C-alpha atoms as a PDB file:
ATOM      1  CA  MET A   1     181.175 207.733  31.996  1.00  0.00           C
ATOM      2  CA  PRO A   2     179.546 206.595  35.241  1.00  0.00           C
ATOM      3  CA  ASP A   3     181.847 206.000  38.216  1.00  0.00           C
ATOM      4  CA  ALA A   4     181.241 202.221  38.291  1.00  0.00           C
ATOM      5  CA  TRP A   5     182.457 201.927  34.688  1.00  0.00           C
ATOM      6  CA  LEU A   6     185.457 204.075  35.421  1.00  0.00           C
ATOM      7  CA  GLU A   7     186.390 201.919  38.408  1.00  0.00           C
ATOM      8  CA  LEU A   8     186.013 198.684  36.403  1.00  0.00           C
ATOM      9  CA  ASP A   9     187.963 200.144  33.490  1.00  0.00           C
ATOM     10  CA  THR A  10     190.777 201.456  35.705  1.00  0.00           C
ATOM     11  CA  GLU A  11     191.093 198.198  37.641  1.00  0.00           C
ATOM     12  CA  LEU A  12     191.101 196.168  34.429  1.00  0.00           C
ATOM     13  CA  ARG A  13     193.814 198.331  32.846  1.00  0.00           C
ATOM     14  CA  VAL A  14     196.002 197.984  35.946  1.00  0.00           C
ATOM     15  CA  ARG A  15     195.586 194.185  35.936  1.00  0.00           C
ATOM     16  CA  LEU A  16     196.265 193.932  32.201  1.00  0.00           C
ATOM     17  CA  ARG A  17     199.391 196.087  32.383  1.00  0.00           C
ATOM     18  CA  GLU A  18     200.677 194.034  35.315  1.00  0.00           C
ATOM     19  CA  VAL A  19     200.165 190.766  33.428  1.00  0.00           C
ATOM     20  CA  LEU A  20     201.708 192.146  30.253  1.00  0.00           C
ATOM     21  CA  THR A  21     204.791 193.619  31.904  1.00  0.00           C
ATOM     22  CA  THR A  22     205.653 191.003  34.541  1.00  0.00           C
ATOM     23  CA  HIS A  23     205.185 187.815  32.495  1.00  0.00           C
ATOM     24  CA  GLN A  24     204.361 185.967  35.703  1.00  0.00           C
ATOM     25  CA  PRO A  25     202.725 182.554  35.253  1.00  0.00           C
ATOM     26  CA  LEU A  26     198.953 182.715  34.942  1.00  0.00           C
ATOM     27  CA  THR A  27     196.358 180.170  35.932  1.00  0.00           C
ATOM     28  CA  GLU A  28     193.466 179.266  33.666  1.00  0.00           C
ATOM     29  CA  ALA A  29     191.153 181.010  36.151  1.00  0.00           C
ATOM     30  CA  GLU A  30     193.176 184.241  35.897  1.00  0.00           C
ATOM     31  CA  VAL A  31     193.180 184.099  32.102  1.00  0.00           C
ATOM     32  CA  ARG A  32     189.422 183.505  31.999  1.00  0.00           C
ATOM     33  CA  SER A  33     188.726 186.211  34.562  1.00  0.00           C
ATOM     34  CA  LEU A  34     190.722 188.838  32.674  1.00  0.00           C
ATOM     35  CA  ASP A  35     189.206 187.735  29.378  1.00  0.00           C
ATOM     36  CA  ASN A  36     185.641 187.925  30.743  1.00  0.00           C
ATOM     37  CA  ASP A  37     186.232 191.256  32.475  1.00  0.00           C
ATOM     38  CA  GLY A  38     187.858 192.631  29.333  1.00  0.00           C
ATOM     39  CA  ARG A  39     184.947 191.597  27.127  1.00  0.00           C
ATOM     40  CA  ALA A  40     182.411 193.064  29.553  1.00  0.00           C
ATOM     41  CA  CYS A  41     184.263 196.346  29.916  1.00  0.00           C
ATOM     42  CA  THR A  42     184.766 196.611  26.165  1.00  0.00           C
ATOM     43  CA  ARG A  43     181.039 196.155  25.532  1.00  0.00           C
ATOM     44  CA  LEU A  44     180.222 198.857  28.066  1.00  0.00           C
ATOM     45  CA  LEU A  45     182.765 201.308  26.694  1.00  0.00           C
ATOM     46  CA  HIS A  46     181.810 200.713  23.066  1.00  0.00           C
ATOM     47  CA  ALA A  47     178.150 201.252  23.957  1.00  0.00           C
ATOM     48  CA  GLU A  48     179.041 204.521  25.702  1.00  0.00           C
ATOM     49  CA  LEU A  49     181.102 205.608  22.699  1.00  0.00           C
ATOM     50  CA  GLU A  50     178.155 204.857  20.431  1.00  0.00           C
ATOM     51  CA  ARG A  51     175.900 206.945  22.687  1.00  0.00           C
ATOM     52  CA  LEU A  52     178.350 209.865  22.590  1.00  0.00           C
ATOM     53  CA  GLU A  53     178.627 209.618  18.796  1.00  0.00           C
ATOM     54  CA  GLN A  54     174.834 209.587  18.507  1.00  0.00           C
ATOM     55  CA  ARG A  55     174.631 212.711  20.667  1.00  0.00           C
ATOM     56  CA  LEU A  56     177.200 214.418  18.435  1.00  0.00           C
ATOM     57  CA  ALA A  57     175.188 213.466  15.344  1.00  0.00           C
ATOM     58  CA  GLU A  58     172.030 214.877  16.933  1.00  0.00           C
ATOM     59  CA  LEU A  59     173.760 218.161  17.738  1.00  0.00           C
ATOM     60  CA  ASP A  60     175.255 218.302  14.253  1.00  0.00           C
ATOM     61  CA  GLY A  61     171.791 217.893  12.746  1.00  0.00           C
ATOM     62  CA  ASP A  62     170.221 220.532  14.968  1.00  0.00           C
ATOM     63  CA  PRO A  63     170.392 223.956  13.308  1.00  0.00           C
ATOM     64  CA  GLU A  64     169.803 225.577  16.701  1.00  0.00           C
ATOM     65  CA  ALA A  65     172.709 223.812  18.445  1.00  0.00           C
ATOM     66  CA  SER A  66     175.537 226.118  19.375  1.00  0.00           C
ATOM     67  CA  LEU A  67     178.978 225.652  17.906  1.00  0.00           C
ATOM     68  CA  GLY A  68     180.312 225.413  21.462  1.00  0.00           C
ATOM     69  CA  ALA A  69     178.011 222.469  22.269  1.00  0.00           C
ATOM     70  CA  ILE A  70     179.012 220.705  19.055  1.00  0.00           C
ATOM     71  CA  ALA A  71     182.701 221.328  19.746  1.00  0.00           C
ATOM     72  CA  GLU A  72     182.384 219.973  23.298  1.00  0.00           C
ATOM     73  CA  ALA A  73     180.579 216.844  22.070  1.00  0.00           C
ATOM     74  CA  PHE A  74     183.258 216.401  19.399  1.00  0.00           C
ATOM     75  CA  ARG A  75     186.045 216.641  22.003  1.00  0.00           C
ATOM     76  CA  ARG A  76     184.283 214.123  24.246  1.00  0.00           C
ATOM     77  CA  VAL A  77     183.851 211.649  21.379  1.00  0.00           C
ATOM     78  CA  ASN A  78     187.476 211.946  20.290  1.00  0.00           C
ATOM     79  CA  GLY A  79     188.841 211.668  23.821  1.00  0.00           C
ATOM     80  CA  PHE A  80     186.635 208.729  24.663  1.00  0.00           C
ATOM     81  CA  ARG A  81     187.432 206.995  21.379  1.00  0.00           C
ATOM     82  CA  ALA A  82     191.154 207.200  22.200  1.00  0.00           C
ATOM     83  CA  HIS A  83     190.410 205.758  25.650  1.00  0.00           C
ATOM     84  CA  VAL A  84     188.459 202.835  24.138  1.00  0.00           C
ATOM     85  CA  GLU A  85     191.133 202.182  21.508  1.00  0.00           C
ATOM     86  CA  GLU A  86     193.806 202.027  24.214  1.00  0.00           C
ATOM     87  CA  LEU A  87     191.822 199.356  26.062  1.00  0.00           C
ATOM     88  CA  ASP A  88     191.263 197.474  22.798  1.00  0.00           C
ATOM     89  CA  ASP A  89     195.037 197.491  22.231  1.00  0.00           C
ATOM     90  CA  LEU A  90     195.724 196.205  25.754  1.00  0.00           C
ATOM     91  CA  LEU A  91     193.180 193.427  25.286  1.00  0.00           C
ATOM     92  CA  ALA A  92     194.705 192.441  21.937  1.00  0.00           C
ATOM     93  CA  GLU A  93     198.114 192.188  23.644  1.00  0.00           C
ATOM     94  CA  PHE A  94     196.525 190.143  26.416  1.00  0.00           C
ATOM     95  CA  ASP A  95     194.923 187.806  23.863  1.00  0.00           C
ATOM     96  CA  ASP A  96     198.389 187.163  22.436  1.00  0.00           C
ATOM     97  CA  ARG A  97     199.758 186.513  25.940  1.00  0.00           C
ATOM     98  CA  ALA A  98     196.839 184.200  26.786  1.00  0.00           C
ATOM     99  CA  ARG A  99     197.462 182.250  23.583  1.00  0.00           C
ATOM    100  CA  GLU A 100     201.136 181.861  24.551  1.00  0.00           C
ATOM    101  CA  VAL A 101     200.179 180.712  28.053  1.00  0.00           C
ATOM    102  CA  ARG A 102     197.664 178.186  26.782  1.00  0.00           C
ATOM    103  CA  THR A 103     200.136 176.877  24.218  1.00  0.00           C
ATOM    104  CA  SER A 104     202.764 176.361  26.917  1.00  0.00           C
ATOM    105  CA  TRP A 105     200.193 174.517  29.048  1.00  0.00           C
ATOM    106  CA  SER A 106     199.251 172.193  26.222  1.00  0.00           C
ATOM    107  CA  GLN A 107     202.893 171.516  25.411  1.00  0.00           C
ATOM    108  CA  SER A 108     203.628 170.614  29.033  1.00  0.00           C
ATOM    109  CA  LEU A 109     200.843 168.007  29.221  1.00  0.00           C
ATOM    110  CA  PRO A 110     201.990 164.412  29.023  1.00  0.00           C
ATOM    111  CA  ARG A 111     201.541 162.820  25.631  1.00  0.00           C
ATOM    112  CA  TRP A 112     199.483 159.663  25.353  1.00  0.00           C
ATOM    113  CA  ALA A 113     198.421 157.400  22.598  1.00  0.00           C
ATOM    114  CA  PRO A 114     195.180 155.414  22.287  1.00  0.00           C
ATOM    115  CA  HIS A 115     197.085 152.161  22.977  1.00  0.00           C
ATOM    116  CA  ASP A 116     198.027 153.601  26.427  1.00  0.00           C
ATOM    117  CA  LEU A 117     194.417 153.275  27.572  1.00  0.00           C
ATOM    118  CA  PRO A 118     193.371 150.138  29.479  1.00  0.00           C
END
């Protein structure tokens, strides 16, 4: 995984864990930012996982590939898949938290009826 992805992924995980453990109030901008960053990072990581799985399939189909190369590719795929699944789980938890935050915002808005308009 290139260093830029690793940095984005690490920073995102730290921010998500902080939001999920502290339950501090969030602004709409913070919710959107985390949501957008999460979606972007997820797309990158899933694409990388797909590339690693494709490489494993290529090695598996190559009769000249060594068992060591196949085993290494298999370990990389499994390790990376666990990494991606962990981020997916954090983002699912964040989605739940964002839904709670947005619900509390909507419930705190003043109620009005059409007859209240001039």
